PDB file of N, CA and C in Angstrom:
ATOM      1  N   MET A   1      64.738 110.096 -79.834  1.00  0.00           N
ATOM      2  CA  MET A   1      63.562 109.916 -80.641  1.00  0.00           C
ATOM      3  C   MET A   1      62.754 108.767 -80.060  1.00  0.00           C
ATOM      4  N   SER A   2      61.449 108.939 -79.966  1.00  0.00           N
ATOM      5  CA  SER A   2      60.604 107.900 -79.379  1.00  0.00           C
ATOM      6  C   SER A   2      60.342 106.791 -80.382  1.00  0.00           C
ATOM      7  N   THR A   3      60.050 105.626 -79.853  1.00  0.00           N
ATOM      8  CA  THR A   3      59.748 104.477 -80.678  1.00  0.00           C
ATOM      9  C   THR A   3      58.312 104.573 -81.167  1.00  0.00           C
ATOM     10  N   PRO A   4      58.078 104.473 -82.483  1.00  0.00           N
ATOM     11  CA  PRO A   4      56.698 104.540 -82.971  1.00  0.00           C
ATOM     12  C   PRO A   4      55.914 103.318 -82.533  1.00  0.00           C
ATOM     13  N   SER A   5      54.629 103.505 -82.343  1.00  0.00           N
ATOM     14  CA  SER A   5      53.781 102.378 -81.955  1.00  0.00           C
ATOM     15  C   SER A   5      53.634 101.433 -83.135  1.00  0.00           C
ATOM     16  N   PRO A   6      53.352 100.150 -82.870  1.00  0.00           N
ATOM     17  CA  PRO A   6      53.225  99.181 -83.953  1.00  0.00           C
ATOM     18  C   PRO A   6      52.120  99.545 -84.943  1.00  0.00           C
ATOM     19  N   ASN A   7      51.022 100.097 -84.453  1.00  0.00           N
ATOM     20  CA  ASN A   7      49.919 100.477 -85.328  1.00  0.00           C
ATOM     21  C   ASN A   7      49.649 101.956 -85.129  1.00  0.00           C
ATOM     22  N   ARG A   8      50.224 102.772 -85.968  1.00  0.00           N
ATOM     23  CA  ARG A   8      50.123 104.226 -85.808  1.00  0.00           C
ATOM     24  C   ARG A   8      48.714 104.740 -86.060  1.00  0.00           C
ATOM     25  N   GLN A   9      47.847 103.939 -86.672  1.00  0.00           N
ATOM     26  CA  GLN A   9      46.480 104.358 -86.945  1.00  0.00           C
ATOM     27  C   GLN A   9      45.506 103.929 -85.857  1.00  0.00           C
ATOM     28  N   ALA A  10      45.979 103.176 -84.875  1.00  0.00           N
ATOM     29  CA  ALA A  10      45.099 102.700 -83.808  1.00  0.00           C
ATOM     30  C   ALA A  10      44.593 103.883 -82.988  1.00  0.00           C
ATOM     31  N   LEU A  11      43.326 103.846 -82.663  1.00  0.00           N
ATOM     32  CA  LEU A  11      42.723 104.883 -81.835  1.00  0.00           C
ATOM     33  C   LEU A  11      42.749 104.455 -80.378  1.00  0.00           C
ATOM     34  N   VAL A  12      42.906 105.415 -79.495  1.00  0.00           N
ATOM     35  CA  VAL A  12      42.888 105.153 -78.060  1.00  0.00           C
ATOM     36  C   VAL A  12      41.591 105.734 -77.511  1.00  0.00           C
ATOM     37  N   PRO A  13      40.659 104.874 -77.101  1.00  0.00           N
ATOM     38  CA  PRO A  13      39.398 105.390 -76.560  1.00  0.00           C
ATOM     39  C   PRO A  13      39.610 106.000 -75.175  1.00  0.00           C
ATOM     40  N   LEU A  14      38.978 107.123 -74.961  1.00  0.00           N
ATOM     41  CA  LEU A  14      39.017 107.783 -73.656  1.00  0.00           C
ATOM     42  C   LEU A  14      37.615 107.803 -73.086  1.00  0.00           C
ATOM     43  N   PRO A  15      37.471 107.528 -71.794  1.00  0.00           N
ATOM     44  CA  PRO A  15      36.141 107.561 -71.183  1.00  0.00           C
ATOM     45  C   PRO A  15      35.532 108.964 -71.277  1.00  0.00           C
ATOM     46  N   ALA A  16      34.227 109.008 -71.496  1.00  0.00           N
ATOM     47  CA  ALA A  16      33.525 110.292 -71.571  1.00  0.00           C
ATOM     48  C   ALA A  16      33.722 111.089 -70.290  1.00  0.00           C
ATOM     49  N   GLU A  17      33.756 110.404 -69.152  1.00  0.00           N
ATOM     50  CA  GLU A  17      33.965 111.090 -67.874  1.00  0.00           C
ATOM     51  C   GLU A  17      35.300 111.828 -67.861  1.00  0.00           C
ATOM     52  N   PHE A  18      36.326 111.206 -68.438  1.00  0.00           N
ATOM     53  CA  PHE A  18      37.629 111.867 -68.495  1.00  0.00           C
ATOM     54  C   PHE A  18      37.545 113.119 -69.359  1.00  0.00           C
ATOM     55  N   ILE A  19      36.935 113.001 -70.529  1.00  0.00           N
ATOM     56  CA  ILE A  19      36.846 114.129 -71.466  1.00  0.00           C
ATOM     57  C   ILE A  19      36.021 115.274 -70.888  1.00  0.00           C
ATOM     58  N   HIS A  20      34.871 114.954 -70.320  1.00  0.00           N
ATOM     59  CA  HIS A  20      33.920 115.996 -69.917  1.00  0.00           C
ATOM     60  C   HIS A  20      34.089 116.500 -68.486  1.00  0.00           C
ATOM     61  N   ILE A  21      34.663 115.692 -67.606  1.00  0.00           N
ATOM     62  CA  ILE A  21      34.781 116.100 -66.203  1.00  0.00           C
ATOM     63  C   ILE A  21      36.233 116.363 -65.804  1.00  0.00           C
ATOM     64  N   HIS A  22      37.110 115.398 -66.029  1.00  0.00           N
ATOM     65  CA  HIS A  22      38.486 115.524 -65.549  1.00  0.00           C
ATOM     66  C   HIS A  22      39.347 116.442 -66.416  1.00  0.00           C
ATOM     67  N   LEU A  23      39.305 116.264 -67.732  1.00  0.00           N
ATOM     68  CA  LEU A  23      40.172 117.028 -68.634  1.00  0.00           C
ATOM     69  C   LEU A  23      40.039 118.540 -68.460  1.00  0.00           C
ATOM     70  N   PRO A  24      38.820 119.090 -68.360  1.00  0.00           N
ATOM     71  CA  PRO A  24      38.717 120.545 -68.192  1.00  0.00           C
ATOM     72  C   PRO A  24      39.365 121.070 -66.906  1.00  0.00           C
ATOM     73  N   ARG A  25      39.584 120.194 -65.933  1.00  0.00           N
ATOM     74  CA  ARG A  25      40.141 120.628 -64.644  1.00  0.00           C
ATOM     75  C   ARG A  25      41.644 120.375 -64.508  1.00  0.00           C
ATOM     76  N   ILE A  26      42.219 119.656 -65.440  1.00  0.00           N
ATOM     77  CA  ILE A  26      43.653 119.349 -65.361  1.00  0.00           C
ATOM     78  C   ILE A  26      44.462 120.594 -65.713  1.00  0.00           C
ATOM     79  N   THR A  27      45.358 120.975 -64.818  1.00  0.00           N
ATOM     80  CA  THR A  27      46.228 122.126 -65.059  1.00  0.00           C
ATOM     81  C   THR A  27      47.692 121.717 -65.200  1.00  0.00           C
ATOM     82  N   SER A  28      48.000 120.484 -64.874  1.00  0.00           N
ATOM     83  CA  SER A  28      49.379 119.997 -64.918  1.00  0.00           C
ATOM     84  C   SER A  28      49.617 119.207 -66.200  1.00  0.00           C
ATOM     85  N   ILE A  29      50.593 119.644 -66.986  1.00  0.00           N
ATOM     86  CA  ILE A  29      50.942 118.914 -68.203  1.00  0.00           C
ATOM     87  C   ILE A  29      51.479 117.528 -67.849  1.00  0.00           C
ATOM     88  N   VAL A  30      52.109 117.394 -66.694  1.00  0.00           N
ATOM     89  CA  VAL A  30      52.616 116.092 -66.252  1.00  0.00           C
ATOM     90  C   VAL A  30      51.450 115.139 -66.024  1.00  0.00           C
ATOM     91  N   GLU A  31      50.420 115.586 -65.322  1.00  0.00           N
ATOM     92  CA  GLU A  31      49.241 114.744 -65.101  1.00  0.00           C
ATOM     93  C   GLU A  31      48.592 114.364 -66.427  1.00  0.00           C
ATOM     94  N   LEU A  32      48.484 115.313 -67.341  1.00  0.00           N
ATOM     95  CA  LEU A  32      47.865 115.039 -68.635  1.00  0.00           C
ATOM     96  C   LEU A  32      48.667 114.005 -69.418  1.00  0.00           C
ATOM     97  N   LYS A  33      49.978 114.163 -69.480  1.00  0.00           N
ATOM     98  CA  LYS A  33      50.817 113.209 -70.218  1.00  0.00           C
ATOM     99  C   LYS A  33      50.742 111.814 -69.608  1.00  0.00           C
ATOM    100  N   VAL A  34      50.820 111.738 -68.287  1.00  0.00           N
ATOM    101  CA  VAL A  34      50.739 110.435 -67.619  1.00  0.00           C
ATOM    102  C   VAL A  34      49.375 109.802 -67.878  1.00  0.00           C
ATOM    103  N   SER A  35      48.314 110.573 -67.757  1.00  0.00           N
ATOM    104  CA  SER A  35      46.958 110.042 -67.953  1.00  0.00           C
ATOM    105  C   SER A  35      46.772 109.507 -69.367  1.00  0.00           C
ATOM    106  N   LEU A  36      47.146 110.286 -70.364  1.00  0.00           N
ATOM    107  CA  LEU A  36      46.966 109.843 -71.748  1.00  0.00           C
ATOM    108  C   LEU A  36      47.822 108.619 -72.052  1.00  0.00           C
ATOM    109  N   HIS A  37      49.036 108.594 -71.545  1.00  0.00           N
ATOM    110  CA  HIS A  37      49.901 107.433 -71.769  1.00  0.00           C
ATOM    111  C   HIS A  37      49.322 106.190 -71.095  1.00  0.00           C
ATOM    112  N   LEU A  38      48.826 106.363 -69.886  1.00  0.00           N
ATOM    113  CA  LEU A  38      48.229 105.249 -69.151  1.00  0.00           C
ATOM    114  C   LEU A  38      46.992 104.719 -69.865  1.00  0.00           C
ATOM    115  N   TYR A  39      46.128 105.613 -70.360  1.00  0.00           N
ATOM    116  CA  TYR A  39      44.975 105.158 -71.142  1.00  0.00           C
ATOM    117  C   TYR A  39      45.432 104.369 -72.363  1.00  0.00           C
ATOM    118  N   GLY A  40      46.470 104.838 -73.038  1.00  0.00           N
ATOM    119  CA  GLY A  40      46.979 104.122 -74.202  1.00  0.00           C
ATOM    120  C   GLY A  40      47.461 102.725 -73.865  1.00  0.00           C
ATOM    121  N   LEU A  41      48.177 102.589 -72.764  1.00  0.00           N
ATOM    122  CA  LEU A  41      48.669 101.269 -72.350  1.00  0.00           C
ATOM    123  C   LEU A  41      47.531 100.349 -71.923  1.00  0.00           C
ATOM    124  N   ILE A  42      46.617 100.887 -71.139  1.00  0.00           N
ATOM    125  CA  ILE A  42      45.532 100.065 -70.601  1.00  0.00           C
ATOM    126  C   ILE A  42      44.573  99.614 -71.694  1.00  0.00           C
ATOM    127  N   THR A  43      44.217 100.504 -72.600  1.00  0.00           N
ATOM    128  CA  THR A  43      43.236 100.132 -73.627  1.00  0.00           C
ATOM    129  C   THR A  43      43.806  99.174 -74.667  1.00  0.00           C
ATOM    130  N   SER A  44      45.124  99.061 -74.746  1.00  0.00           N
ATOM    131  CA  SER A  44      45.709  98.119 -75.705  1.00  0.00           C
ATOM    132  C   SER A  44      45.789  96.699 -75.148  1.00  0.00           C
ATOM    133  N   GLN A  45      45.481  96.531 -73.874  1.00  0.00           N
ATOM    134  CA  GLN A  45      45.556  95.211 -73.246  1.00  0.00           C
ATOM    135  C   GLN A  45      44.326  94.369 -73.571  1.00  0.00           C
ATOM    136  N   THR A  46      44.533  93.072 -73.638  1.00  0.00           N
ATOM    137  CA  THR A  46      43.415  92.150 -73.859  1.00  0.00           C
ATOM    138  C   THR A  46      43.090  91.344 -72.610  1.00  0.00           C
ATOM    139  N   THR A  47      44.003  91.314 -71.658  1.00  0.00           N
ATOM    140  CA  THR A  47      43.759  90.561 -70.423  1.00  0.00           C
ATOM    141  C   THR A  47      42.928  91.393 -69.454  1.00  0.00           C
ATOM    142  N   ARG A  48      42.272  90.706 -68.528  1.00  0.00           N
ATOM    143  CA  ARG A  48      41.472  91.390 -67.503  1.00  0.00           C
ATOM    144  C   ARG A  48      42.030  91.041 -66.137  1.00  0.00           C
ATOM    145  N   PRO A  49      42.046  91.890 -65.178  1.00  0.00           N
ATOM    146  CA  PRO A  49      41.678  93.296 -65.323  1.00  0.00           C
ATOM    147  C   PRO A  49      42.773  94.063 -66.056  1.00  0.00           C
ATOM    148  N   ARG A  50      42.368  95.076 -66.782  1.00  0.00           N
ATOM    149  CA  ARG A  50      43.331  95.917 -67.491  1.00  0.00           C
ATOM    150  C   ARG A  50      43.999  96.819 -66.465  1.00  0.00           C
ATOM    151  N   ARG A  51      45.315  96.738 -66.422  1.00  0.00           N
ATOM    152  CA  ARG A  51      46.059  97.486 -65.422  1.00  0.00           C
ATOM    153  C   ARG A  51      47.506  97.629 -65.860  1.00  0.00           C
ATOM    154  N   VAL A  52      48.196  98.580 -65.253  1.00  0.00           N
ATOM    155  CA  VAL A  52      49.615  98.793 -65.532  1.00  0.00           C
ATOM    156  C   VAL A  52      50.329  98.943 -64.193  1.00  0.00           C
ATOM    157  N   SER A  53      51.467  98.311 -64.075  1.00  0.00           N
ATOM    158  CA  SER A  53      52.222  98.370 -62.821  1.00  0.00           C
ATOM    159  C   SER A  53      53.160  99.578 -62.797  1.00  0.00           C
ATOM    160  N   TRP A  54      53.509  99.974 -61.582  1.00  0.00           N
ATOM    161  CA  TRP A  54      54.501 101.036 -61.396  1.00  0.00           C
ATOM    162  C   TRP A  54      55.798 100.645 -62.095  1.00  0.00           C
ATOM    163  N   ASP A  55      56.195  99.374 -61.966  1.00  0.00           N
ATOM    164  CA  ASP A  55      57.445  98.922 -62.583  1.00  0.00           C
ATOM    165  C   ASP A  55      57.422  99.121 -64.092  1.00  0.00           C
ATOM    166  N   ALA A  56      56.292  98.790 -64.724  1.00  0.00           N
ATOM    167  CA  ALA A  56      56.184  98.966 -66.175  1.00  0.00           C
ATOM    168  C   ALA A  56      56.273 100.442 -66.546  1.00  0.00           C
ATOM    169  N   LEU A  57      55.583 101.289 -65.792  1.00  0.00           N
ATOM    170  CA  LEU A  57      55.612 102.726 -66.077  1.00  0.00           C
ATOM    171  C   LEU A  57      56.996 103.316 -65.834  1.00  0.00           C
ATOM    172  N   SER A  58      57.649 102.875 -64.782  1.00  0.00           N
ATOM    173  CA  SER A  58      58.960 103.445 -64.456  1.00  0.00           C
ATOM    174  C   SER A  58      60.028 103.027 -65.461  1.00  0.00           C
ATOM    175  N   ASN A  59      59.773 101.963 -66.221  1.00  0.00           N
ATOM    176  CA  ASN A  59      60.725 101.496 -67.233  1.00  0.00           C
ATOM    177  C   ASN A  59      60.273 101.795 -68.658  1.00  0.00           C
ATOM    178  N   ASP A  60      59.220 102.574 -68.822  1.00  0.00           N
ATOM    179  CA  ASP A  60      58.665 102.896 -70.138  1.00  0.00           C
ATOM    180  C   ASP A  60      59.474 104.035 -70.767  1.00  0.00           C
ATOM    181  N   THR A  61      60.222 103.735 -71.825  1.00  0.00           N
ATOM    182  CA  THR A  61      61.102 104.742 -72.420  1.00  0.00           C
ATOM    183  C   THR A  61      60.333 105.877 -73.091  1.00  0.00           C
ATOM    184  N   VAL A  62      59.197 105.579 -73.696  1.00  0.00           N
ATOM    185  CA  VAL A  62      58.406 106.634 -74.339  1.00  0.00           C
ATOM    186  C   VAL A  62      57.878 107.603 -73.285  1.00  0.00           C
ATOM    187  N   LEU A  63      57.343 107.076 -72.193  1.00  0.00           N
ATOM    188  CA  LEU A  63      56.842 107.927 -71.118  1.00  0.00           C
ATOM    189  C   LEU A  63      57.986 108.708 -70.471  1.00  0.00           C
ATOM    190  N   THR A  64      59.123 108.066 -70.292  1.00  0.00           N
ATOM    191  CA  THR A  64      60.285 108.753 -69.722  1.00  0.00           C
ATOM    192  C   THR A  64      60.647 109.968 -70.563  1.00  0.00           C
ATOM    193  N   GLN A  65      60.781 109.768 -71.866  1.00  0.00           N
ATOM    194  CA  GLN A  65      61.138 110.870 -72.761  1.00  0.00           C
ATOM    195  C   GLN A  65      60.078 111.961 -72.747  1.00  0.00           C
ATOM    196  N   SER A  66      58.825 111.564 -72.720  1.00  0.00           N
ATOM    197  CA  SER A  66      57.723 112.520 -72.714  1.00  0.00           C
ATOM    198  C   SER A  66      57.754 113.403 -71.472  1.00  0.00           C
ATOM    199  N   LEU A  67      57.974 112.807 -70.315  1.00  0.00           N
ATOM    200  CA  LEU A  67      57.975 113.580 -69.073  1.00  0.00           C
ATOM    201  C   LEU A  67      59.237 114.419 -68.910  1.00  0.00           C
ATOM    202  N   LEU A  68      60.354 113.931 -69.405  1.00  0.00           N
ATOM    203  CA  LEU A  68      61.590 114.698 -69.278  1.00  0.00           C
ATOM    204  C   LEU A  68      61.599 115.929 -70.179  1.00  0.00           C
ATOM    205  N   VAL A  69      60.738 115.957 -71.188  1.00  0.00           N
ATOM    206  CA  VAL A  69      60.605 117.153 -72.024  1.00  0.00           C
ATOM    207  C   VAL A  69      60.062 118.315 -71.202  1.00  0.00           C
ATOM    208  N   VAL A  70      59.120 118.034 -70.311  1.00  0.00           N
ATOM    209  CA  VAL A  70      58.498 119.101 -69.517  1.00  0.00           C
ATOM    210  C   VAL A  70      59.194 119.322 -68.173  1.00  0.00           C
ATOM    211  N   ALA A  71      60.015 118.384 -67.749  1.00  0.00           N
ATOM    212  CA  ALA A  71      60.730 118.525 -66.473  1.00  0.00           C
ATOM    213  C   ALA A  71      62.157 118.001 -66.625  1.00  0.00           C
ATOM    214  N   PRO A  72      62.961 118.647 -67.482  1.00  0.00           N
ATOM    215  CA  PRO A  72      64.286 118.107 -67.799  1.00  0.00           C
ATOM    216  C   PRO A  72      65.265 118.091 -66.628  1.00  0.00           C
ATOM    217  N   HIS A  73      65.027 118.896 -65.614  1.00  0.00           N
ATOM    218  CA  HIS A  73      65.961 118.968 -64.491  1.00  0.00           C
ATOM    219  C   HIS A  73      65.457 118.219 -63.263  1.00  0.00           C
ATOM    220  N   SER A  74      64.413 117.441 -63.442  1.00  0.00           N
ATOM    221  CA  SER A  74      63.835 116.682 -62.329  1.00  0.00           C
ATOM    222  C   SER A  74      64.124 115.200 -62.506  1.00  0.00           C
ATOM    223  N   ALA A  75      64.104 114.479 -61.409  1.00  0.00           N
ATOM    224  CA  ALA A  75      64.265 113.024 -61.463  1.00  0.00           C
ATOM    225  C   ALA A  75      63.002 112.418 -62.068  1.00  0.00           C
ATOM    226  N   TYR A  76      63.176 111.537 -63.046  1.00  0.00           N
ATOM    227  CA  TYR A  76      62.036 110.964 -63.761  1.00  0.00           C
ATOM    228  C   TYR A  76      61.022 110.322 -62.825  1.00  0.00           C
ATOM    229  N   LEU A  77      61.475 109.529 -61.871  1.00  0.00           N
ATOM    230  CA  LEU A  77      60.539 108.835 -60.984  1.00  0.00           C
ATOM    231  C   LEU A  77      59.745 109.808 -60.123  1.00  0.00           C
ATOM    232  N   ASP A  78      60.335 110.940 -59.778  1.00  0.00           N
ATOM    233  CA  ASP A  78      59.599 111.963 -59.028  1.00  0.00           C
ATOM    234  C   ASP A  78      58.499 112.577 -59.887  1.00  0.00           C
ATOM    235  N   VAL A  79      58.812 112.840 -61.138  1.00  0.00           N
ATOM    236  CA  VAL A  79      57.830 113.424 -62.058  1.00  0.00           C
ATOM    237  C   VAL A  79      56.711 112.419 -62.319  1.00  0.00           C
ATOM    238  N   LEU A  80      57.072 111.162 -62.530  1.00  0.00           N
ATOM    239  CA  LEU A  80      56.075 110.114 -62.738  1.00  0.00           C
ATOM    240  C   LEU A  80      55.166 109.998 -61.523  1.00  0.00           C
ATOM    241  N   SER A  81      55.746 109.988 -60.346  1.00  0.00           N
ATOM    242  CA  SER A  81      54.967 109.894 -59.114  1.00  0.00           C
ATOM    243  C   SER A  81      54.015 111.078 -58.972  1.00  0.00           C
ATOM    244  N   GLU A  82      54.474 112.261 -59.319  1.00  0.00           N
ATOM    245  CA  GLU A  82      53.630 113.462 -59.267  1.00  0.00           C
ATOM    246  C   GLU A  82      52.429 113.324 -60.207  1.00  0.00           C
ATOM    247  N   GLY A  83      52.682 112.889 -61.437  1.00  0.00           N
ATOM    248  CA  GLY A  83      51.602 112.744 -62.412  1.00  0.00           C
ATOM    249  C   GLY A  83      50.605 111.672 -62.028  1.00  0.00           C
ATOM    250  N   LEU A  84      51.103 110.534 -61.569  1.00  0.00           N
ATOM    251  CA  LEU A  84      50.209 109.458 -61.139  1.00  0.00           C
ATOM    252  C   LEU A  84      49.404 109.868 -59.916  1.00  0.00           C
ATOM    253  N   GLY A  85      50.072 110.506 -58.968  1.00  0.00           N
ATOM    254  CA  GLY A  85      49.383 110.948 -57.759  1.00  0.00           C
ATOM    255  C   GLY A  85      48.251 111.908 -58.072  1.00  0.00           C
ATOM    256  N   ALA A  86      48.503 112.837 -58.978  1.00  0.00           N
ATOM    257  CA  ALA A  86      47.468 113.805 -59.357  1.00  0.00           C
ATOM    258  C   ALA A  86      46.307 113.117 -60.065  1.00  0.00           C
ATOM    259  N   ALA A  87      46.610 112.166 -60.950  1.00  0.00           N
ATOM    260  CA  ALA A  87      45.557 111.460 -61.685  1.00  0.00           C
ATOM    261  C   ALA A  87      44.715 110.588 -60.757  1.00  0.00           C
ATOM    262  N   VAL A  88      45.347 109.972 -59.779  1.00  0.00           N
ATOM    263  CA  VAL A  88      44.618 109.156 -58.804  1.00  0.00           C
ATOM    264  C   VAL A  88      43.770 110.060 -57.910  1.00  0.00           C
ATOM    265  N   GLN A  89      44.351 111.147 -57.446  1.00  0.00           N
ATOM    266  CA  GLN A  89      43.607 112.068 -56.581  1.00  0.00           C
ATOM    267  C   GLN A  89      42.399 112.658 -57.313  1.00  0.00           C
ATOM    268  N   ARG A  90      42.526 112.912 -58.597  1.00  0.00           N
ATOM    269  CA  ARG A  90      41.433 113.468 -59.393  1.00  0.00           C
ATOM    270  C   ARG A  90      40.324 112.437 -59.612  1.00  0.00           C
ATOM    271  N   GLY A  91      40.671 111.158 -59.537  1.00  0.00           N
ATOM    272  CA  GLY A  91      39.677 110.112 -59.736  1.00  0.00           C
ATOM    273  C   GLY A  91      39.692 109.506 -61.120  1.00  0.00           C
ATOM    274  N   SER A  92      40.702 109.832 -61.919  1.00  0.00           N
ATOM    275  CA  SER A  92      40.817 109.240 -63.255  1.00  0.00           C
ATOM    276  C   SER A  92      41.255 107.779 -63.178  1.00  0.00           C
ATOM    277  N   PHE A  93      42.089 107.470 -62.187  1.00  0.00           N
ATOM    278  CA  PHE A  93      42.644 106.127 -62.037  1.00  0.00           C
ATOM    279  C   PHE A  93      42.570 105.678 -60.588  1.00  0.00           C
ATOM    280  N   LEU A  94      42.597 104.365 -60.408  1.00  0.00           N
ATOM    281  CA  LEU A  94      42.675 103.762 -59.086  1.00  0.00           C
ATOM    282  C   LEU A  94      44.093 103.260 -58.872  1.00  0.00           C
ATOM    283  N   HIS A  95      44.577 103.357 -57.659  1.00  0.00           N
ATOM    284  CA  HIS A  95      45.882 102.831 -57.286  1.00  0.00           C
ATOM    285  C   HIS A  95      45.636 101.679 -56.322  1.00  0.00           C
ATOM    286  N   VAL A  96      46.090 100.493 -56.695  1.00  0.00           N
ATOM    287  CA  VAL A  96      45.893  99.291 -55.887  1.00  0.00           C
ATOM    288  C   VAL A  96      47.261  98.666 -55.620  1.00  0.00           C
ATOM    289  N   ILE A  97      47.496  98.290 -54.379  1.00  0.00           N
ATOM    290  CA  ILE A  97      48.746  97.610 -54.022  1.00  0.00           C
ATOM    291  C   ILE A  97      48.405  96.167 -53.687  1.00  0.00           C
ATOM    292  N   ARG A  98      49.016  95.242 -54.423  1.00  0.00           N
ATOM    293  CA  ARG A  98      48.767  93.809 -54.231  1.00  0.00           C
ATOM    294  C   ARG A  98      50.102  93.077 -54.174  1.00  0.00           C
ATOM    295  N   PRO A  99      50.196  92.038 -53.349  1.00  0.00           N
ATOM    296  CA  PRO A  99      51.429  91.252 -53.325  1.00  0.00           C
ATOM    297  C   PRO A  99      51.523  90.357 -54.564  1.00  0.00           C
ATOM    298  N   ASP A 100      52.751  90.176 -55.036  1.00  0.00           N
ATOM    299  CA  ASP A 100      52.944  89.219 -56.125  1.00  0.00           C
ATOM    300  C   ASP A 100      53.164  87.829 -55.528  1.00  0.00           C
ATOM    301  N   GLN A 101      53.531  86.862 -56.353  1.00  0.00           N
ATOM    302  CA  GLN A 101      53.679  85.483 -55.886  1.00  0.00           C
ATOM    303  C   GLN A 101      54.814  85.316 -54.881  1.00  0.00           C
ATOM    304  N   HIS A 102      55.699  86.310 -54.789  1.00  0.00           N
ATOM    305  CA  HIS A 102      56.812  86.254 -53.836  1.00  0.00           C
ATOM    306  C   HIS A 102      56.553  87.120 -52.604  1.00  0.00           C
ATOM    307  N   GLY A 103      55.361  87.691 -52.511  1.00  0.00           N
ATOM    308  CA  GLY A 103      55.016  88.531 -51.374  1.00  0.00           C
ATOM    309  C   GLY A 103      55.465  89.976 -51.495  1.00  0.00           C
ATOM    310  N   ARG A 104      56.068  90.323 -52.621  1.00  0.00           N
ATOM    311  CA  ARG A 104      56.521  91.697 -52.854  1.00  0.00           C
ATOM    312  C   ARG A 104      55.331  92.561 -53.243  1.00  0.00           C
ATOM    313  N   ALA A 105      55.216  93.745 -52.660  1.00  0.00           N
ATOM    314  CA  ALA A 105      54.111  94.659 -52.977  1.00  0.00           C
ATOM    315  C   ALA A 105      54.282  95.199 -54.394  1.00  0.00           C
ATOM    316  N   VAL A 106      53.208  95.118 -55.185  1.00  0.00           N
ATOM    317  CA  VAL A 106      53.204  95.641 -56.551  1.00  0.00           C
ATOM    318  C   VAL A 106      52.135  96.720 -56.636  1.00  0.00           C
ATOM    319  N   ASN A 107      52.521  97.878 -57.139  1.00  0.00           N
ATOM    320  CA  ASN A 107      51.602  98.998 -57.325  1.00  0.00           C
ATOM    321  C   ASN A 107      50.977  98.900 -58.706  1.00  0.00           C
ATOM    322  N   TRP A 108      49.643  98.851 -58.743  1.00  0.00           N
ATOM    323  CA  TRP A 108      48.899  98.751 -59.995  1.00  0.00           C
ATOM    324  C   TRP A 108      48.039  99.990 -60.186  1.00  0.00           C
ATOM    325  N   TYR A 109      47.847 100.382 -61.439  1.00  0.00           N
ATOM    326  CA  TYR A 109      46.991 101.516 -61.788  1.00  0.00           C
ATOM    327  C   TYR A 109      45.944 101.030 -62.780  1.00  0.00           C
ATOM    328  N   LEU A 110      44.679 101.328 -62.455  1.00  0.00           N
ATOM    329  CA  LEU A 110      43.531 100.901 -63.258  1.00  0.00           C
ATOM    330  C   LEU A 110      42.660 102.113 -63.543  1.00  0.00           C
ATOM    331  N   VAL A 111      41.903 102.048 -64.641  1.00  0.00           N
ATOM    332  CA  VAL A 111      40.950 103.110 -64.938  1.00  0.00           C
ATOM    333  C   VAL A 111      39.838 103.057 -63.903  1.00  0.00           C
ATOM    334  N   ASP A 112      39.484 104.198 -63.344  1.00  0.00           N
ATOM    335  CA  ASP A 112      38.397 104.285 -62.363  1.00  0.00           C
ATOM    336  C   ASP A 112      37.085 104.409 -63.122  1.00  0.00           C
ATOM    337  N   THR A 113      36.367 103.293 -63.207  1.00  0.00           N
ATOM    338  CA  THR A 113      35.094 103.299 -63.946  1.00  0.00           C
ATOM    339  C   THR A 113      33.921 103.197 -63.009  1.00  0.00           C
TER     340      THR A 113
END
């Protein structure tokens, strides 16, 4: 069972471009689930720039459960990578690789505005 969000009445704003351009072309339920989850995480942030790391997504239990429903026999990280790759290729999100304070490469995902 997934963990309920702290504010179940909170709305998640979606960019008009996503609704009118990208959404009608999405054929992969994995891409759709990843995109909607990513919008939910990004729009709840107060810091700038709003972004989510690969590490955060790969350890997100709600997203894990959501993706394993549609791909129960696949490795979670492979399914996540597929969904993120499709969303980035479509232009819904940007993928940026930046070093952290220890020089380790960190993969970040941002809304492509």
